[in-house]
Amino acid sequence: MSGFDLNKLMQQASAMQQQMEQAREELAGETVEASAGGGMVTVKATGAGEITEVKIAKEAIDPDDPEMLEDTIVAAVNEALRAAENLAQTKLGGAVGGLDLPPGLGLPGL
């Protein structure tokens, strides 16, 4: 590994950590929204994956079929969480892109 500069790598890792922390803070302030059942159930979540709101249209409430409403809520929550995860990957992906690792260093996840 000739030409490998550990100090430079540590500086890059520190900068990356700061960028990731800033991106996480931004994510917590952003909101995504998803719906299911033709808009009968709407769920909002933060970019950090925290559910902040669930709205259920009164037409979605059928006392004879509570399972349908349950399934619709689960579908909307899962879609909102997927949207939050996609937002997080978009924001956090840029934070790790600038790390200059030597080939074969073998750091998993980077």
N, C-alpha and C. Protein backbone atom coordinates (compact mmCIF):
# COMPACT_ATOMS: atom_id res chain seq x y z
N MET A 1 0.83 -1.18 0.00
CA MET A 1 0.00 0.00 0.00
C MET A 1 0.87 1.25 0.00
N SER A 2 1.72 1.35 -0.94
CA SER A 2 2.59 2.53 -1.02
C SER A 2 1.76 3.76 -1.34
N GLY A 3 2.16 4.88 -0.77
CA GLY A 3 1.46 6.12 -1.00
C GLY A 3 0.22 6.29 -0.13
N PHE A 4 -0.04 5.36 0.76
CA PHE A 4 -1.20 5.43 1.65
C PHE A 4 -0.91 6.41 2.77
N ASP A 5 -1.76 7.41 2.95
CA ASP A 5 -1.58 8.44 3.96
C ASP A 5 -2.68 8.31 5.01
N LEU A 6 -2.34 7.72 6.15
CA LEU A 6 -3.32 7.48 7.20
C LEU A 6 -3.88 8.79 7.75
N ASN A 7 -3.04 9.82 7.87
CA ASN A 7 -3.52 11.11 8.37
C ASN A 7 -4.58 11.69 7.44
N LYS A 8 -4.34 11.59 6.14
CA LYS A 8 -5.31 12.10 5.17
C LYS A 8 -6.62 11.32 5.28
N LEU A 9 -6.51 10.01 5.43
CA LEU A 9 -7.70 9.17 5.57
C LEU A 9 -8.48 9.55 6.83
N MET A 10 -7.80 9.80 7.93
CA MET A 10 -8.46 10.17 9.18
C MET A 10 -9.16 11.53 9.04
N GLN A 11 -8.52 12.47 8.34
CA GLN A 11 -9.14 13.78 8.11
C GLN A 11 -10.40 13.62 7.27
N GLN A 12 -10.32 12.78 6.23
CA GLN A 12 -11.48 12.54 5.38
C GLN A 12 -12.61 11.87 6.16
N ALA A 13 -12.26 10.92 7.02
CA ALA A 13 -13.26 10.23 7.83
C ALA A 13 -13.94 11.21 8.79
N SER A 14 -13.17 12.11 9.38
CA SER A 14 -13.74 13.10 10.28
C SER A 14 -14.68 14.04 9.54
N ALA A 15 -14.28 14.49 8.37
CA ALA A 15 -15.14 15.36 7.56
C ALA A 15 -16.41 14.63 7.15
N MET A 16 -16.27 13.36 6.80
CA MET A 16 -17.42 12.56 6.41
C MET A 16 -18.38 12.42 7.59
N GLN A 17 -17.86 12.19 8.78
CA GLN A 17 -18.69 12.06 9.97
C GLN A 17 -19.47 13.34 10.23
N GLN A 18 -18.83 14.47 10.06
CA GLN A 18 -19.51 15.76 10.25
C GLN A 18 -20.61 15.95 9.21
N GLN A 19 -20.33 15.57 7.97
CA GLN A 19 -21.33 15.70 6.91
C GLN A 19 -22.52 14.79 7.18
N MET A 20 -22.25 13.58 7.66
CA MET A 20 -23.33 12.63 7.95
C MET A 20 -24.20 13.15 9.09
N GLU A 21 -23.59 13.70 10.11
CA GLU A 21 -24.35 14.24 11.24
C GLU A 21 -25.23 15.40 10.78
N GLN A 22 -24.69 16.26 9.95
CA GLN A 22 -25.48 17.37 9.42
C GLN A 22 -26.64 16.84 8.57
N ALA A 23 -26.39 15.84 7.75
CA ALA A 23 -27.45 15.26 6.92
C ALA A 23 -28.53 14.63 7.80
N ARG A 24 -28.14 13.95 8.88
CA ARG A 24 -29.13 13.36 9.79
C ARG A 24 -30.01 14.44 10.43
N GLU A 25 -29.39 15.53 10.83
CA GLU A 25 -30.16 16.63 11.42
C GLU A 25 -31.15 17.20 10.40
N GLU A 26 -30.71 17.34 9.17
CA GLU A 26 -31.60 17.84 8.11
C GLU A 26 -32.75 16.85 7.87
N LEU A 27 -32.43 15.56 7.89
CA LEU A 27 -33.46 14.54 7.67
C LEU A 27 -34.56 14.61 8.72
N ALA A 28 -34.17 14.85 9.97
CA ALA A 28 -35.16 14.92 11.04
C ALA A 28 -36.14 16.06 10.81
N GLY A 29 -35.74 17.08 10.07
CA GLY A 29 -36.61 18.22 9.79
C GLY A 29 -37.41 18.10 8.51
N GLU A 30 -37.18 17.06 7.73
CA GLU A 30 -37.91 16.89 6.47
C GLU A 30 -39.04 15.89 6.65
N THR A 31 -40.08 16.04 5.84
CA THR A 31 -41.26 15.19 5.95
C THR A 31 -41.55 14.54 4.60
N VAL A 32 -41.93 13.26 4.67
CA VAL A 32 -42.42 12.55 3.50
C VAL A 32 -43.85 12.12 3.79
N GLU A 33 -44.61 11.87 2.74
CA GLU A 33 -46.01 11.50 2.90
C GLU A 33 -46.33 10.36 1.96
N ALA A 34 -47.15 9.43 2.43
CA ALA A 34 -47.57 8.31 1.59
C ALA A 34 -49.02 7.99 1.92
N SER A 35 -49.70 7.39 0.95
CA SER A 35 -51.09 7.02 1.20
C SER A 35 -51.36 5.63 0.63
N ALA A 36 -52.46 5.05 1.08
CA ALA A 36 -52.88 3.74 0.60
C ALA A 36 -54.40 3.71 0.56
N GLY A 37 -54.92 2.70 -0.11
CA GLY A 37 -56.37 2.57 -0.20
C GLY A 37 -57.01 3.70 -0.98
N GLY A 38 -56.33 4.14 -2.02
CA GLY A 38 -56.87 5.23 -2.83
C GLY A 38 -56.94 6.55 -2.07
N GLY A 39 -56.01 6.73 -1.13
CA GLY A 39 -55.97 7.96 -0.37
C GLY A 39 -56.80 7.92 0.90
N MET A 40 -57.36 6.75 1.22
CA MET A 40 -58.18 6.64 2.44
C MET A 40 -57.34 6.75 3.70
N VAL A 41 -56.08 6.33 3.64
CA VAL A 41 -55.17 6.45 4.78
C VAL A 41 -53.92 7.17 4.29
N THR A 42 -53.54 8.22 5.00
CA THR A 42 -52.35 9.00 4.67
C THR A 42 -51.44 9.04 5.90
N VAL A 43 -50.15 8.82 5.65
CA VAL A 43 -49.17 8.79 6.74
C VAL A 43 -48.05 9.75 6.40
N LYS A 44 -47.63 10.53 7.41
CA LYS A 44 -46.47 11.40 7.27
C LYS A 44 -45.37 10.88 8.19
N ALA A 45 -44.13 10.99 7.72
CA ALA A 45 -42.98 10.57 8.51
C ALA A 45 -41.85 11.55 8.27
N THR A 46 -40.95 11.63 9.24
CA THR A 46 -39.76 12.46 9.05
C THR A 46 -38.76 11.67 8.21
N GLY A 47 -37.78 12.37 7.68
CA GLY A 47 -36.71 11.69 6.94
C GLY A 47 -35.91 10.77 7.83
N ALA A 48 -36.03 10.93 9.14
CA ALA A 48 -35.34 10.06 10.09
C ALA A 48 -36.16 8.80 10.39
N GLY A 49 -37.34 8.66 9.76
CA GLY A 49 -38.14 7.45 9.91
C GLY A 49 -39.11 7.47 11.08
N GLU A 50 -39.45 8.63 11.58
CA GLU A 50 -40.40 8.73 12.69
C GLU A 50 -41.77 9.11 12.13
N ILE A 51 -42.78 8.29 12.43
CA ILE A 51 -44.14 8.57 11.99
C ILE A 51 -44.66 9.76 12.79
N THR A 52 -45.16 10.79 12.09
CA THR A 52 -45.62 12.00 12.78
C THR A 52 -47.12 12.21 12.67
N GLU A 53 -47.75 11.55 11.69
CA GLU A 53 -49.17 11.79 11.49
C GLU A 53 -49.79 10.63 10.72
N VAL A 54 -51.00 10.25 11.13
CA VAL A 54 -51.80 9.26 10.40
C VAL A 54 -53.19 9.85 10.26
N LYS A 55 -53.68 9.93 9.03
CA LYS A 55 -55.04 10.42 8.77
C LYS A 55 -55.84 9.30 8.12
N ILE A 56 -57.05 9.11 8.63
CA ILE A 56 -57.93 8.06 8.12
C ILE A 56 -59.25 8.71 7.71
N ALA A 57 -59.60 8.53 6.45
CA ALA A 57 -60.89 9.05 5.97
C ALA A 57 -62.01 8.26 6.62
N LYS A 58 -63.08 8.95 7.00
CA LYS A 58 -64.17 8.25 7.69
C LYS A 58 -64.78 7.16 6.82
N GLU A 59 -64.67 7.32 5.50
CA GLU A 59 -65.20 6.28 4.60
C GLU A 59 -64.40 4.98 4.70
N ALA A 60 -63.19 5.05 5.23
CA ALA A 60 -62.35 3.87 5.34
C ALA A 60 -62.71 3.01 6.54
N ILE A 61 -63.54 3.56 7.44
CA ILE A 61 -63.88 2.85 8.68
C ILE A 61 -65.16 2.05 8.46
N ASP A 62 -64.98 0.74 8.31
CA ASP A 62 -66.11 -0.18 8.14
C ASP A 62 -66.11 -1.12 9.36
N PRO A 63 -67.07 -0.96 10.25
CA PRO A 63 -67.08 -1.78 11.46
C PRO A 63 -67.17 -3.28 11.15
N ASP A 64 -67.67 -3.63 9.98
CA ASP A 64 -67.77 -5.04 9.62
C ASP A 64 -66.49 -5.58 9.00
N ASP A 65 -65.52 -4.71 8.71
CA ASP A 65 -64.27 -5.16 8.07
C ASP A 65 -63.07 -4.40 8.63
N PRO A 66 -62.77 -4.56 9.92
CA PRO A 66 -61.64 -3.83 10.49
C PRO A 66 -60.29 -4.28 9.91
N GLU A 67 -60.22 -5.52 9.42
CA GLU A 67 -58.97 -6.01 8.83
C GLU A 67 -58.56 -5.21 7.61
N MET A 68 -59.53 -4.76 6.83
CA MET A 68 -59.23 -3.96 5.64
C MET A 68 -58.56 -2.66 6.04
N LEU A 69 -59.08 -2.00 7.07
CA LEU A 69 -58.48 -0.75 7.55
C LEU A 69 -57.09 -1.01 8.12
N GLU A 70 -56.95 -2.08 8.88
CA GLU A 70 -55.64 -2.44 9.43
C GLU A 70 -54.61 -2.62 8.32
N ASP A 71 -54.99 -3.38 7.28
CA ASP A 71 -54.07 -3.62 6.16
C ASP A 71 -53.73 -2.33 5.43
N THR A 72 -54.71 -1.45 5.28
CA THR A 72 -54.47 -0.18 4.60
C THR A 72 -53.52 0.70 5.41
N ILE A 73 -53.68 0.72 6.72
CA ILE A 73 -52.78 1.50 7.58
C ILE A 73 -51.36 0.96 7.49
N VAL A 74 -51.22 -0.36 7.57
CA VAL A 74 -49.89 -0.98 7.47
C VAL A 74 -49.24 -0.63 6.12
N ALA A 75 -50.02 -0.70 5.05
CA ALA A 75 -49.48 -0.38 3.72
C ALA A 75 -49.01 1.08 3.65
N ALA A 76 -49.81 1.99 4.18
CA ALA A 76 -49.44 3.41 4.14
C ALA A 76 -48.21 3.68 5.00
N VAL A 77 -48.14 3.08 6.18
CA VAL A 77 -46.97 3.27 7.06
C VAL A 77 -45.72 2.72 6.38
N ASN A 78 -45.81 1.53 5.82
CA ASN A 78 -44.65 0.95 5.14
C ASN A 78 -44.19 1.81 3.98
N GLU A 79 -45.12 2.35 3.23
CA GLU A 79 -44.75 3.22 2.10
C GLU A 79 -44.09 4.50 2.59
N ALA A 80 -44.60 5.07 3.68
CA ALA A 80 -43.99 6.28 4.24
C ALA A 80 -42.57 5.98 4.74
N LEU A 81 -42.39 4.85 5.37
CA LEU A 81 -41.05 4.48 5.86
C LEU A 81 -40.09 4.23 4.69
N ARG A 82 -40.59 3.64 3.61
CA ARG A 82 -39.74 3.45 2.42
C ARG A 82 -39.33 4.81 1.84
N ALA A 83 -40.28 5.73 1.80
CA ALA A 83 -39.98 7.07 1.27
C ALA A 83 -38.95 7.77 2.17
N ALA A 84 -39.08 7.60 3.48
CA ALA A 84 -38.11 8.20 4.41
C ALA A 84 -36.74 7.57 4.21
N GLU A 85 -36.71 6.27 4.01
CA GLU A 85 -35.42 5.58 3.79
C GLU A 85 -34.77 6.03 2.49
N ASN A 86 -35.56 6.19 1.44
CA ASN A 86 -35.02 6.68 0.17
C ASN A 86 -34.46 8.09 0.32
N LEU A 87 -35.17 8.93 1.05
CA LEU A 87 -34.69 10.28 1.30
C LEU A 87 -33.36 10.24 2.06
N ALA A 88 -33.30 9.38 3.07
CA ALA A 88 -32.07 9.25 3.88
C ALA A 88 -30.91 8.77 3.03
N GLN A 89 -31.15 7.79 2.17
CA GLN A 89 -30.08 7.29 1.31
C GLN A 89 -29.59 8.37 0.36
N THR A 90 -30.50 9.17 -0.13
CA THR A 90 -30.12 10.27 -1.02
C THR A 90 -29.25 11.28 -0.29
N LYS A 91 -29.67 11.65 0.91
CA LYS A 91 -28.93 12.66 1.68
C LYS A 91 -27.60 12.11 2.20
N LEU A 92 -27.62 10.90 2.76
CA LEU A 92 -26.42 10.35 3.38
C LEU A 92 -25.45 9.79 2.35
N GLY A 93 -25.93 9.42 1.18
CA GLY A 93 -25.06 8.88 0.15
C GLY A 93 -23.99 9.86 -0.28
N GLY A 94 -24.33 11.13 -0.35
CA GLY A 94 -23.37 12.15 -0.74
C GLY A 94 -22.29 12.36 0.32
N ALA A 95 -22.61 12.06 1.57
CA ALA A 95 -21.65 12.28 2.65
C ALA A 95 -20.50 11.29 2.60
N VAL A 96 -20.74 10.08 2.07
CA VAL A 96 -19.67 9.07 2.05
C VAL A 96 -18.98 9.00 0.71
N GLY A 97 -19.48 9.74 -0.26
CA GLY A 97 -18.92 9.65 -1.60
C GLY A 97 -17.51 10.18 -1.76
N GLY A 98 -17.07 11.07 -0.88
CA GLY A 98 -15.77 11.71 -1.06
C GLY A 98 -14.62 11.04 -0.35
N LEU A 99 -14.86 9.91 0.28
CA LEU A 99 -13.79 9.24 1.02
C LEU A 99 -12.85 8.55 0.05
N ASP A 100 -11.58 8.85 0.13
CA ASP A 100 -10.57 8.34 -0.80
C ASP A 100 -9.86 7.14 -0.19
N LEU A 101 -10.50 5.97 -0.28
CA LEU A 101 -9.91 4.75 0.28
C LEU A 101 -9.00 4.07 -0.75
N PRO A 102 -7.86 3.54 -0.31
CA PRO A 102 -7.03 2.79 -1.22
C PRO A 102 -7.70 1.47 -1.57
N PRO A 103 -7.48 0.95 -2.77
CA PRO A 103 -8.10 -0.31 -3.18
C PRO A 103 -7.64 -1.43 -2.24
N GLY A 104 -8.62 -2.29 -1.91
CA GLY A 104 -8.28 -3.46 -1.11
C GLY A 104 -8.20 -3.18 0.37
N LEU A 105 -8.57 -1.99 0.84
CA LEU A 105 -8.49 -1.71 2.26
C LEU A 105 -9.52 -2.54 3.02
N GLY A 106 -10.61 -2.89 2.36
CA GLY A 106 -11.58 -3.82 2.94
C GLY A 106 -12.40 -3.27 4.08
N LEU A 107 -12.88 -2.04 3.98
CA LEU A 107 -13.77 -1.52 5.01
C LEU A 107 -15.21 -1.76 4.55
N PRO A 108 -15.91 -2.64 5.24
CA PRO A 108 -17.28 -2.94 4.81
C PRO A 108 -18.20 -1.74 5.01
N GLY A 109 -19.14 -1.60 4.09
CA GLY A 109 -20.11 -0.54 4.20
C GLY A 109 -19.67 0.81 3.66
N LEU A 110 -18.45 0.93 3.19
CA LEU A 110 -18.01 2.21 2.65
C LEU A 110 -17.71 2.08 1.17
